[in-house]
Amino acid sequence: MKIKLNQAFKPLEIELGEPGEDGYAVVTGRIDLTDSAVNENLKMLLDAQGKAQALMIDYSKLEKKDSTELAAISAQLADIIADPIIREVGEKTYEEILVAAGGGERVPPQDANIIMTQVFAEIMKAVLDHVNSLKDNKAAHYLLEVSKNAQTKPNRAE
């Protein structure tokens, strides 16, 4: 019998720029998929996703989009996605991404939203894949138990 299980931490590698270019950087980290964290982190990620989508809907409804409103929305988005990212990969990796986004100099989170939303999406995918894999394993185990107890011959008509 072979059992294939996921690891408690998934490697994360973020490449910014092209090799050989000034400012090229690779940030490595780990996505926390431990039992004690995964359910709470999934809830946090889904909540942040909902808030970010609501923010974008509010933004699209604005009649006049000036730079002050854009800056405020950008700062709100950065705040919304920061906590789930930090919770999953740690503050050190989060800060390293901000430094890499600035080509070696730390940029404010709202100036790295394009990068951080992509990081957020990859983290979300990894957590969802992990949770779905656990559910699939439980389903397979259940089906194996059901098949062991399955009726092998039809009932006789009375």
Protein backbone atom coordinates (compact mmCIF):
# COMPACT_ATOMS: atom_id res chain seq x y z
CA MET A 1 0.00 0.00 0.00
CA LYS A 2 1.28 3.43 -0.91
CA ILE A 3 0.18 6.60 0.85
CA LYS A 4 1.03 9.91 -0.73
CA LEU A 5 0.73 12.93 1.54
CA ASN A 6 1.40 16.63 1.17
CA GLN A 7 4.15 18.32 3.11
CA ALA A 8 3.31 20.78 5.87
CA PHE A 9 5.19 23.55 4.07
CA LYS A 10 5.22 24.22 0.33
CA PRO A 11 8.25 25.95 -1.17
CA LEU A 12 7.61 29.38 -2.68
CA GLU A 13 9.94 31.04 -5.15
CA ILE A 14 9.26 34.52 -6.50
CA GLU A 15 11.40 35.73 -9.37
CA LEU A 16 11.38 39.45 -10.10
CA GLY A 17 12.92 40.71 -13.31
CA GLU A 18 15.08 38.81 -15.75
CA PRO A 19 18.42 37.14 -15.00
CA GLY A 20 21.25 39.50 -15.86
CA GLU A 21 19.09 42.64 -15.47
CA ASP A 22 19.78 45.21 -12.78
CA GLY A 23 17.55 44.53 -9.81
CA TYR A 24 16.91 40.90 -10.69
CA ALA A 25 15.99 39.03 -7.52
CA VAL A 26 14.69 35.69 -6.37
CA VAL A 27 12.84 35.54 -3.07
CA THR A 28 12.30 32.15 -1.50
CA GLY A 29 9.99 31.20 1.30
CA ARG A 30 7.55 28.56 2.46
CA ILE A 31 3.77 28.48 2.48
CA ASP A 32 2.46 27.24 5.83
CA LEU A 33 0.13 24.27 5.30
CA THR A 34 0.37 22.86 8.80
CA ASP A 35 -2.74 21.34 10.30
CA SER A 36 -2.93 24.00 12.99
CA ALA A 37 -2.81 26.83 10.44
CA VAL A 38 -4.43 25.74 7.19
CA ASN A 39 -8.11 26.11 8.07
CA GLU A 40 -7.71 29.47 9.79
CA ASN A 41 -5.45 30.71 6.99
CA LEU A 42 -7.93 29.61 4.33
CA LYS A 43 -10.66 31.55 6.13
CA MET A 44 -8.39 34.59 6.30
CA LEU A 45 -7.48 34.32 2.60
CA LEU A 46 -11.12 33.98 1.52
CA ASP A 47 -12.13 36.93 3.70
CA ALA A 48 -9.34 39.07 2.22
CA GLN A 49 -10.32 38.01 -1.29
CA GLY A 50 -13.91 39.08 -0.64
CA LYS A 51 -12.82 42.44 0.76
CA ALA A 52 -10.50 43.05 -2.20
CA GLN A 53 -13.26 42.23 -4.67
CA ALA A 54 -15.68 44.55 -2.85
CA LEU A 55 -13.03 47.29 -2.93
CA MET A 56 -12.62 46.86 -6.70
CA ILE A 57 -16.40 47.00 -7.19
CA ASP A 58 -16.56 50.22 -5.18
CA TYR A 59 -13.67 51.60 -7.26
CA SER A 60 -15.41 50.76 -10.53
CA LYS A 61 -18.51 52.67 -9.39
CA LEU A 62 -16.61 55.90 -8.80
CA GLU A 63 -17.57 58.51 -11.35
CA LYS A 64 -14.39 60.51 -11.01
CA LYS A 65 -11.16 58.64 -10.38
CA ASP A 66 -8.55 61.08 -9.17
CA SER A 67 -5.09 60.31 -7.85
CA THR A 68 -6.12 60.80 -4.20
CA GLU A 69 -8.87 58.18 -4.52
CA LEU A 70 -6.52 55.82 -6.37
CA ALA A 71 -3.87 56.18 -3.66
CA ALA A 72 -6.44 55.48 -0.94
CA ILE A 73 -7.75 52.39 -2.72
CA SER A 74 -4.22 51.17 -3.38
CA ALA A 75 -3.34 51.56 0.32
CA GLN A 76 -6.54 49.74 1.34
CA LEU A 77 -5.78 46.86 -1.02
CA ALA A 78 -2.23 46.58 0.33
CA ASP A 79 -3.62 46.45 3.89
CA ILE A 80 -6.22 43.82 2.98
CA ILE A 81 -3.76 41.36 1.44
CA ALA A 82 -0.76 41.98 3.73
CA ASP A 83 -1.96 40.04 6.78
CA PRO A 84 -2.85 36.81 4.95
CA ILE A 85 0.43 36.88 3.02
CA ILE A 86 2.45 37.49 6.18
CA ARG A 87 0.56 34.77 8.03
CA GLU A 88 1.32 32.25 5.28
CA VAL A 89 4.94 33.06 4.38
CA GLY A 90 6.15 35.10 7.34
CA GLU A 91 7.13 38.72 7.80
CA LYS A 92 10.73 38.15 6.63
CA THR A 93 9.66 36.81 3.23
CA TYR A 94 7.02 39.56 2.89
CA GLU A 95 9.67 42.23 3.53
CA GLU A 96 12.11 40.54 1.12
CA ILE A 97 9.44 40.74 -1.60
CA LEU A 98 9.00 44.47 -0.97
CA VAL A 99 12.79 44.98 -1.24
CA ALA A 100 12.99 42.90 -4.42
CA ALA A 101 10.04 44.79 -5.91
CA GLY A 102 12.04 47.98 -5.46
CA GLY A 103 15.15 46.57 -7.11
CA GLY A 104 17.01 46.36 -3.81
CA GLU A 105 15.28 49.20 -2.00
CA ARG A 106 12.10 48.56 -0.04
CA VAL A 107 8.95 49.98 -1.61
CA PRO A 108 5.78 50.72 0.34
CA PRO A 109 3.27 47.86 0.13
CA GLN A 110 0.81 49.93 -1.91
CA ASP A 111 3.50 50.35 -4.58
CA ALA A 112 3.89 46.57 -4.88
CA ASN A 113 0.20 45.66 -5.23
CA ILE A 114 0.59 44.07 -8.65
CA ILE A 115 3.30 41.76 -7.35
CA MET A 116 1.61 41.12 -4.01
CA THR A 117 -1.75 40.26 -5.58
CA GLN A 118 0.05 37.65 -7.69
CA VAL A 119 1.77 36.29 -4.56
CA PHE A 120 -1.60 36.28 -2.79
CA ALA A 121 -3.17 34.33 -5.67
CA GLU A 122 -0.39 31.70 -5.64
CA ILE A 123 -0.70 31.29 -1.88
CA MET A 124 -4.47 30.97 -2.19
CA LYS A 125 -4.07 28.32 -4.89
CA ALA A 126 -1.57 26.35 -2.78
CA VAL A 127 -3.86 26.41 0.27
CA LEU A 128 -6.96 25.46 -1.74
CA ASP A 129 -5.07 22.65 -3.49
CA HIS A 130 -3.90 21.36 -0.12
CA VAL A 131 -7.37 21.49 1.43
CA ASN A 132 -8.94 19.83 -1.63
CA SER A 133 -6.26 17.14 -1.56
CA LEU A 134 -7.11 16.40 2.06
CA LYS A 135 -10.79 16.20 1.19
CA ASP A 136 -10.05 13.87 -1.74
CA ASN A 137 -7.96 11.61 0.50
CA LYS A 138 -10.78 11.41 3.03
CA ALA A 139 -13.26 10.64 0.25
CA ALA A 140 -11.00 7.92 -1.15
CA HIS A 141 -10.63 6.40 2.31
CA TYR A 142 -14.39 6.48 2.80
CA LEU A 143 -15.03 4.89 -0.60
CA LEU A 144 -12.53 2.13 0.20
CA GLU A 145 -14.40 1.37 3.44
CA VAL A 146 -17.76 1.39 1.63
CA SER A 147 -16.47 -0.96 -1.05
CA LYS A 148 -15.25 -3.42 1.60
CA ASN A 149 -18.76 -3.59 3.03
CA ALA A 150 -20.58 -3.53 -0.30
CA GLN A 151 -23.14 -6.17 -1.08
CA THR A 152 -21.65 -8.47 -3.70
CA LYS A 153 -24.80 -10.36 -4.68
CA PRO A 154 -28.26 -8.99 -5.40
CA ASN A 155 -31.11 -9.60 -2.95
CA ARG A 156 -33.48 -12.41 -3.89
CA ALA A 157 -36.96 -11.37 -4.82
CA GLU A 158 -39.48 -12.59 -2.27
